[in-house]
Protein backbone atom coordinates (compact mmCIF):
# COMPACT_ATOMS: atom_id res chain seq x y z
CA MET A 1 6.02 -173.18 -52.00
CA LEU A 2 5.02 -169.54 -51.41
CA LYS A 3 5.21 -170.09 -47.66
CA LYS A 4 8.80 -171.40 -47.97
CA VAL A 5 9.82 -168.37 -50.03
CA SER A 6 8.29 -166.02 -47.44
CA VAL A 7 10.07 -167.78 -44.58
CA LEU A 8 13.37 -167.67 -46.45
CA SER A 9 12.92 -163.98 -47.32
CA VAL A 10 12.18 -163.04 -43.71
CA SER A 11 15.11 -165.14 -42.47
CA PHE A 12 17.47 -163.54 -44.99
CA ALA A 13 16.30 -160.03 -44.05
CA ALA A 14 16.80 -160.77 -40.35
CA LEU A 15 20.27 -162.14 -41.05
CA LEU A 16 21.21 -158.98 -42.96
CA GLY A 17 19.91 -156.87 -40.09
CA LEU A 18 21.98 -158.75 -37.55
CA ALA A 19 25.09 -158.53 -39.71
CA ALA A 20 24.66 -154.76 -39.96
CA CYS A 21 24.46 -154.45 -36.16
CA ASN A 22 27.97 -155.90 -35.75
CA ASN A 23 29.50 -153.67 -38.39
CA ASP A 24 31.83 -150.75 -37.73
CA GLU A 25 30.74 -149.14 -41.00
CA VAL A 26 29.58 -145.53 -40.95
CA GLU A 27 26.36 -145.22 -42.93
CA SER A 28 26.66 -141.64 -44.22
CA PRO A 29 30.26 -140.45 -44.11
CA PRO A 30 30.75 -136.73 -44.73
CA PRO A 31 31.88 -135.97 -48.27
CA GLU A 32 34.75 -133.75 -47.08
CA ALA A 33 36.48 -136.58 -45.14
CA PRO A 34 39.67 -137.72 -46.91
CA VAL A 35 39.32 -141.06 -48.68
CA GLU A 36 42.22 -143.46 -49.06
CA ASP A 37 41.71 -144.21 -52.77
CA ASN A 38 41.52 -140.53 -53.78
CA VAL A 39 44.88 -139.57 -52.27
CA GLU A 40 46.49 -138.23 -55.48
CA GLN A 41 43.45 -136.19 -56.44
CA GLN A 42 43.10 -134.77 -52.92
CA SER A 43 46.72 -133.77 -52.50
CA THR A 44 46.75 -131.81 -55.77
CA ASN A 45 43.61 -129.84 -55.02
CA SER A 46 44.46 -127.11 -52.49
CA GLU A 47 40.86 -125.89 -52.38
CA ASN A 48 39.81 -129.39 -51.31
CA ASP A 49 42.53 -129.31 -48.63
CA GLN A 50 40.93 -126.23 -47.07
CA ASN A 51 37.45 -127.80 -47.08
CA ARG A 52 38.55 -131.12 -45.62
CA ALA A 53 37.19 -132.00 -42.17
CA PHE A 54 40.47 -133.59 -41.01
CA ASN A 55 43.88 -134.36 -42.42
CA PHE A 56 43.87 -138.17 -42.52
CA SER A 57 42.05 -141.18 -43.95
CA LYS A 58 43.23 -143.63 -41.26
CA PHE A 59 43.68 -143.16 -37.52
CA ASP A 60 44.50 -146.24 -35.45
CA LEU A 61 45.21 -145.49 -31.78
CA ASP A 62 46.04 -147.98 -29.05
CA VAL A 63 46.91 -146.69 -25.56
CA GLU A 64 47.65 -149.26 -22.87
CA TYR A 65 47.62 -148.61 -19.14
CA GLU A 66 48.75 -150.66 -16.16
CA GLY A 67 46.15 -153.15 -14.92
CA LEU A 68 43.20 -154.77 -16.57
CA ASN A 69 40.40 -153.02 -18.42
CA ASN A 70 42.11 -149.64 -18.69
CA ASP A 71 43.09 -149.53 -22.37
CA TYR A 72 41.81 -147.07 -24.96
CA GLU A 73 41.53 -147.95 -28.63
CA VAL A 74 40.30 -146.09 -31.71
CA GLU A 75 40.02 -147.49 -35.20
CA TYR A 76 39.03 -145.18 -38.04
CA GLU A 77 39.48 -145.74 -41.75
CA ASN A 78 37.87 -144.06 -44.71
CA GLU A 79 38.25 -146.00 -47.94
CA LYS A 80 36.68 -145.44 -51.34
CA ASP A 81 33.79 -147.84 -50.71
CA ASP A 82 33.16 -147.41 -46.98
CA MET A 83 34.13 -145.73 -43.74
CA GLU A 84 34.64 -147.61 -40.49
CA ALA A 85 34.87 -146.23 -36.98
CA LYS A 86 35.22 -147.92 -33.59
CA ILE A 87 36.02 -146.84 -30.03
CA ASP A 88 36.89 -149.22 -27.20
CA ASP A 89 37.33 -147.31 -23.94
CA GLU A 90 37.84 -150.03 -21.36
CA ALA A 91 38.32 -147.68 -18.40
CA ASN A 92 34.89 -146.10 -18.93
CA ASP A 93 33.25 -149.26 -20.32
CA LYS A 94 32.37 -147.37 -23.50
CA HIS A 95 32.25 -149.32 -26.76
CA LEU A 96 30.99 -147.54 -29.88
CA LYS A 97 30.87 -148.63 -33.51
CA GLY A 98 29.83 -147.15 -36.82
CA ASN A 99 27.86 -143.90 -36.76
CA GLU A 100 27.99 -143.49 -32.97
CA ALA A 101 31.76 -143.87 -32.95
CA PHE A 102 32.24 -141.54 -35.91
CA GLU A 103 30.05 -138.88 -34.33
CA GLU A 104 32.23 -138.87 -31.22
CA LEU A 105 35.50 -139.14 -33.13
CA SER A 106 34.81 -136.43 -35.69
CA SER A 107 34.55 -133.72 -33.02
CA LYS A 108 37.94 -134.84 -31.67
CA PHE A 109 39.53 -135.21 -35.11
CA GLU A 110 38.54 -131.65 -36.03
CA LYS A 111 40.59 -130.38 -33.06
CA LEU A 112 43.75 -132.21 -34.15
CA THR A 113 46.20 -129.90 -35.93
CA PHE A 114 49.29 -132.10 -36.40
CA ASP A 115 50.53 -133.18 -39.80
CA GLN A 116 53.17 -135.57 -41.12
CA ASN A 117 55.95 -133.05 -40.27
CA THR A 118 54.99 -132.55 -36.61
CA PRO A 119 57.52 -134.01 -34.15
CA GLU A 120 56.45 -137.28 -32.48
CA LYS A 121 56.36 -135.88 -28.94
CA ASP A 122 54.06 -133.03 -30.07
CA VAL A 123 51.71 -135.46 -31.85
CA VAL A 124 51.48 -137.67 -28.77
CA LYS A 125 50.91 -134.68 -26.47
CA GLU A 126 48.14 -133.32 -28.72
CA VAL A 127 46.34 -136.68 -29.07
CA VAL A 128 46.47 -137.29 -25.31
CA LYS A 129 45.00 -133.82 -24.70
CA VAL A 130 42.27 -133.94 -27.39
CA PHE A 131 41.15 -137.45 -26.39
CA ASN A 132 41.34 -136.55 -22.70
CA LEU A 133 43.60 -139.51 -21.95
CA ASN A 134 45.62 -140.07 -18.81
CA SER A 135 49.30 -139.42 -19.55
CA ASP A 136 50.58 -142.24 -17.32
CA TYR A 137 50.16 -144.86 -20.07
CA GLU A 138 52.51 -147.83 -20.46
CA SER A 139 52.45 -147.69 -24.25
CA PHE A 140 51.08 -145.33 -26.88
CA GLU A 141 50.79 -146.46 -30.49
CA LEU A 142 49.28 -144.37 -33.25
CA GLU A 143 49.21 -145.14 -36.94
CA VAL A 144 47.99 -142.39 -39.26
CA ARG A 145 47.54 -142.23 -43.03
CA PHE A 146 47.48 -138.58 -43.96
CA ALA A 147 45.36 -137.21 -46.80
CA ASP A 148 48.41 -137.05 -49.09
CA GLY A 149 49.04 -140.81 -48.62
CA THR A 150 51.93 -140.48 -46.14
CA GLU A 151 51.76 -143.09 -43.38
CA LYS A 152 53.34 -142.44 -39.99
CA LYS A 153 53.63 -144.51 -36.82
CA TYR A 154 54.14 -142.96 -33.41
CA ILE A 155 55.20 -145.44 -30.73
CA ILE A 156 56.05 -144.55 -27.13
CA ASN A 157 56.80 -147.17 -24.46
CA LYS A 158 57.39 -146.04 -20.89
């Protein structure tokens, strides 16, 4: 009986370990990153606004280029219970998830200065520059949820 319990315990632990490997979840998100469920509290606290790492709780970018394996995709979302981050850079065969993706994204996010009032063409130009993307894309789609809860979509098709 004890042997069966040991085998089951080890199997369950291994299963949990494998499940964690396929997760986009960031293990230790920074406390200053905006969280989706705290939108009202964050937008009323101007001191918190100044200490925030970046101005959004969701950043979903999809840039498509002509040909196969050239697309660039970013998925970032910070919710009350967890933060997820993922980068799929087909052109450079770079695929990052969780902490690795967040580490790379946070340095880029900190450089972004646009807000919900910035014109679409300026947002697109800034994102292309900060992410070092080729500007000859076929389509550019960005969905952002700003710290105050405002959601914006920026869609450009050439």
